[in-house]
Amino acid sequence: MFFAQRPSREAIDRFVRDSQDLPISYGPIGIVNGETPCRDLDEATVTIGRGRTDFQRARTALTAWKQFDIGWVEVVPRHAPVEVGTVVAVLIRHLGFWSLNGCRVLYTVGGDGRFGFAYGTLTNHAESGEAPVVHNFAFPDASANPVMNPVHTFHLGLWFNSPVDAGNAGCPADTTPFNGEHNAGIQVLNTSNFPDLQGPLFFVKP
């Protein structure tokens, strides 16, 4: 629904009420987890913090719909619960006009080190699709890390620091989630062909 100026609180509340029983504008639910050759899928993965404290802060932000706090977009009601079935309106300030777009929370994502939810567009939304917002935190602390095999520190591996560096050197510009930012380039040297405890660094004497 489009407006020449910011809609009144009464108009927004009426829009949310009228959206409660509307169907979603696509199907099936969970479409981003299936094979969808006829649809465009946009995905972005970023590191937003480290440690249990940052994970909890991110969880709190998601449940408060903070991902919409970008200056020209709002979610109303402002403190709508992130629960299956909750209907919200996305209020957008465009260039010269405003719009209200209905969405419904469809499912939640949970488990060890994982939190998120997905909302889908209703038939009164200007667009059509499903948007999952998931925050992953694989290892909350050292005591929860998975058991790993021993690491033989005599081996040696070298990576490009970034895919750009690799591309500039004439190599494939692929990303390897190796460095602290998980955006290193390809590996260019690996001594795993040496026997355990007999890697090249074993022969380096200080």
Protein backbone atom coordinates (compact mmCIF):
# COMPACT_ATOMS: atom_id res chain seq x y z
CA MET A 1 0.00 0.00 0.00
CA PHE A 2 1.44 3.36 -1.05
CA PHE A 3 1.10 6.79 0.56
CA ALA A 4 2.07 10.31 -0.49
CA GLN A 5 3.25 11.00 3.07
CA ARG A 6 4.03 9.00 6.18
CA PRO A 7 0.85 7.13 7.16
CA SER A 8 -0.75 7.96 10.50
CA ARG A 9 -0.58 5.62 13.47
CA GLU A 10 -4.24 4.79 12.92
CA ALA A 11 -3.59 3.89 9.28
CA ILE A 12 -0.65 1.68 10.24
CA ASP A 13 -2.63 -0.12 12.96
CA ARG A 14 -5.50 -0.68 10.53
CA PHE A 15 -3.09 -2.09 7.93
CA VAL A 16 -1.67 -4.55 10.46
CA ARG A 17 -5.15 -5.64 11.53
CA ASP A 18 -6.27 -6.14 7.94
CA SER A 19 -3.13 -8.20 7.24
CA GLN A 20 -3.72 -10.80 9.96
CA ASP A 21 -5.62 -13.28 7.80
CA LEU A 22 -3.95 -12.64 4.46
CA PRO A 23 -2.10 -15.54 2.79
CA ILE A 24 1.56 -15.44 1.93
CA SER A 25 2.30 -14.35 -1.62
CA TYR A 26 4.44 -17.33 -2.66
CA GLY A 27 4.91 -20.98 -1.82
CA PRO A 28 5.85 -23.30 -0.38
CA ILE A 29 7.07 -22.10 3.01
CA GLY A 30 10.76 -22.84 3.50
CA ILE A 31 11.52 -22.14 -0.12
CA VAL A 32 15.07 -20.95 0.61
CA ASN A 33 16.00 -24.42 1.86
CA GLY A 34 14.88 -26.23 -1.26
CA GLU A 35 15.75 -26.34 -4.91
CA THR A 36 14.33 -23.21 -6.51
CA PRO A 37 15.68 -22.90 -10.07
CA CYS A 38 12.99 -20.38 -11.01
CA ARG A 39 13.71 -17.92 -8.21
CA ASP A 40 16.51 -15.54 -7.29
CA LEU A 41 18.24 -16.34 -4.00
CA ASP A 42 20.34 -13.64 -2.34
CA GLU A 43 22.58 -14.69 0.53
CA ALA A 44 25.02 -12.71 2.64
CA THR A 45 27.20 -14.07 5.45
CA VAL A 46 29.17 -11.72 7.69
CA THR A 47 31.05 -11.94 10.98
CA ILE A 48 29.48 -9.58 13.50
CA GLY A 49 31.31 -10.56 16.66
CA ARG A 50 33.06 -13.24 18.67
CA GLY A 51 32.29 -14.95 21.93
CA ARG A 52 29.17 -15.81 23.90
CA THR A 53 28.48 -12.19 24.84
CA ASP A 54 28.38 -11.07 21.21
CA PHE A 55 26.15 -14.02 20.35
CA GLN A 56 23.63 -13.04 23.01
CA ARG A 57 23.73 -9.40 21.89
CA ALA A 58 23.03 -10.48 18.32
CA ARG A 59 20.15 -12.67 19.46
CA THR A 60 18.66 -9.78 21.42
CA ALA A 61 19.01 -7.51 18.38
CA LEU A 62 17.24 -9.99 16.09
CA THR A 63 14.31 -10.44 18.47
CA ALA A 64 13.98 -6.63 18.53
CA TRP A 65 13.97 -6.45 14.68
CA LYS A 66 17.11 -4.29 14.77
CA GLN A 67 18.11 -5.47 11.30
CA PHE A 68 15.53 -2.99 9.99
CA ASP A 69 17.07 0.01 11.79
CA ILE A 70 18.70 1.49 8.70
CA GLY A 71 17.13 4.94 8.69
CA TRP A 72 14.44 4.56 6.02
CA VAL A 73 12.79 1.29 7.06
CA GLU A 74 10.76 0.45 10.19
CA VAL A 75 8.89 -2.57 11.48
CA VAL A 76 5.57 -2.03 13.22
CA PRO A 77 4.48 -2.91 15.83
CA ARG A 78 7.94 -1.96 17.05
CA HIS A 79 8.15 -4.70 19.68
CA ALA A 80 6.30 -7.46 17.86
CA PRO A 81 7.24 -10.89 19.25
CA VAL A 82 9.36 -13.14 17.04
CA GLU A 83 6.88 -16.00 17.13
CA VAL A 84 5.35 -18.12 14.40
CA GLY A 85 2.24 -16.36 13.13
CA THR A 86 3.21 -12.84 14.16
CA VAL A 87 2.22 -10.29 11.49
CA VAL A 88 4.15 -7.06 11.06
CA ALA A 89 4.17 -4.20 8.60
CA VAL A 90 7.38 -3.00 7.01
CA LEU A 91 7.14 0.78 6.65
CA ILE A 92 9.46 2.11 3.93
CA ARG A 93 10.28 5.71 3.06
CA HIS A 94 10.93 5.83 -0.67
CA LEU A 95 12.01 8.81 -2.72
CA GLY A 96 8.87 10.97 -2.57
CA PHE A 97 6.42 8.46 -1.11
CA TRP A 98 5.89 5.81 1.61
CA SER A 99 4.73 2.21 1.54
CA LEU A 100 3.41 -0.40 3.97
CA ASN A 101 4.17 -4.06 3.31
CA GLY A 102 2.76 -7.02 5.23
CA CYS A 103 4.90 -9.91 6.51
CA ARG A 104 4.38 -12.93 8.75
CA VAL A 105 6.87 -14.87 10.87
CA LEU A 106 6.82 -18.37 9.39
CA TYR A 107 9.28 -20.43 11.42
CA THR A 108 12.13 -20.12 13.89
CA VAL A 109 15.61 -21.65 13.86
CA GLY A 110 17.26 -22.83 17.05
CA GLY A 111 19.68 -25.27 18.60
CA ASP A 112 23.17 -25.20 20.02
CA GLY A 113 24.87 -22.02 18.91
CA ARG A 114 22.14 -21.08 16.45
CA PHE A 115 19.24 -18.66 16.50
CA GLY A 116 17.06 -17.08 13.87
CA PHE A 117 13.72 -16.88 12.17
CA ALA A 118 12.18 -16.40 8.75
CA TYR A 119 9.39 -14.10 7.64
CA GLY A 120 7.44 -14.23 4.40
CA THR A 121 5.65 -11.61 2.34
CA LEU A 122 1.86 -11.38 2.36
CA THR A 123 -0.29 -10.54 -0.64
CA ASN A 124 -0.28 -6.84 0.31
CA HIS A 125 3.53 -6.68 0.12
CA ALA A 126 5.10 -4.95 -2.88
CA GLU A 127 7.52 -7.85 -3.31
CA SER A 128 7.27 -11.62 -2.96
CA GLY A 129 9.55 -13.99 -1.11
CA GLU A 130 10.93 -15.31 2.13
CA ALA A 131 13.70 -13.84 4.26
CA PRO A 132 15.52 -15.96 6.87
CA VAL A 133 17.72 -14.17 9.41
CA VAL A 134 19.99 -16.67 11.16
CA HIS A 135 22.83 -16.08 13.60
CA ASN A 136 25.29 -18.95 13.99
CA PHE A 137 27.82 -19.35 16.75
CA ALA A 138 29.60 -22.65 16.36
CA PHE A 139 31.77 -22.78 19.47
CA PRO A 140 30.46 -20.78 22.47
CA ASP A 141 33.59 -21.44 24.53
CA ALA A 142 36.61 -23.71 24.71
CA SER A 143 34.83 -26.33 26.83
CA ALA A 144 32.21 -26.74 24.11
CA ASN A 145 34.61 -27.15 21.20
CA PRO A 146 34.34 -30.47 19.36
CA VAL A 147 37.03 -33.09 19.92
CA MET A 148 39.69 -32.76 17.24
CA ASN A 149 42.54 -34.99 16.16
CA PRO A 150 46.05 -33.98 17.30
CA VAL A 151 47.65 -31.19 15.32
CA HIS A 152 51.17 -31.86 14.03
CA THR A 153 52.78 -28.44 14.05
CA PHE A 154 55.75 -29.56 11.94
CA HIS A 155 53.67 -29.22 8.79
CA LEU A 156 53.41 -26.06 6.75
CA GLY A 157 50.58 -24.46 4.80
CA LEU A 158 50.48 -21.16 2.95
CA TRP A 159 47.45 -19.24 1.67
CA PHE A 160 46.93 -16.02 -0.21
CA ASN A 161 45.68 -13.41 2.26
CA SER A 162 42.73 -12.59 0.00
CA PRO A 163 41.08 -13.79 -3.22
CA VAL A 164 42.09 -10.48 -4.78
CA ASP A 165 45.78 -11.22 -4.16
CA ALA A 166 45.31 -14.67 -5.68
CA GLY A 167 43.60 -13.25 -8.74
CA ASN A 168 46.31 -10.63 -9.21
CA ALA A 169 48.86 -13.46 -9.24
CA GLY A 170 46.97 -15.29 -11.97
CA CYS A 171 45.44 -17.89 -9.65
CA PRO A 172 41.76 -18.73 -9.06
CA ALA A 173 40.12 -16.00 -6.97
CA ASP A 174 38.31 -18.45 -4.68
CA THR A 175 37.72 -17.81 -0.98
CA THR A 176 39.06 -20.07 1.76
CA PRO A 177 37.54 -19.56 5.26
CA PHE A 178 40.95 -19.82 6.88
CA ASN A 179 42.12 -16.50 8.29
CA GLY A 180 40.55 -14.53 11.13
CA GLU A 181 38.06 -12.87 8.80
CA HIS A 182 37.30 -16.14 6.94
CA ASN A 183 38.11 -14.55 3.60
CA ALA A 184 41.57 -15.82 2.67
CA GLY A 185 42.49 -16.81 -0.86
CA ILE A 186 43.39 -20.28 -2.09
CA GLN A 187 46.05 -22.44 -0.47
CA VAL A 188 49.33 -22.44 -2.40
CA LEU A 189 51.44 -24.82 -0.31
CA ASN A 190 50.60 -27.87 1.80
CA THR A 191 53.06 -30.37 3.27
CA SER A 192 50.53 -33.00 4.34
CA ASN A 193 52.32 -35.49 2.06
CA PHE A 194 55.08 -35.70 4.70
CA PRO A 195 54.65 -38.35 7.43
CA ASP A 196 53.23 -37.26 10.79
CA LEU A 197 55.85 -35.66 13.02
CA GLN A 198 58.17 -35.46 10.02
CA GLY A 199 57.01 -32.25 8.40
CA PRO A 200 59.59 -29.76 7.05
CA LEU A 201 59.54 -27.68 10.23
CA PHE A 202 60.83 -30.69 12.20
CA PHE A 203 64.21 -30.10 10.59
CA VAL A 204 64.31 -26.39 11.40
CA LYS A 205 66.49 -25.94 14.48
CA PRO A 206 66.40 -22.62 16.37
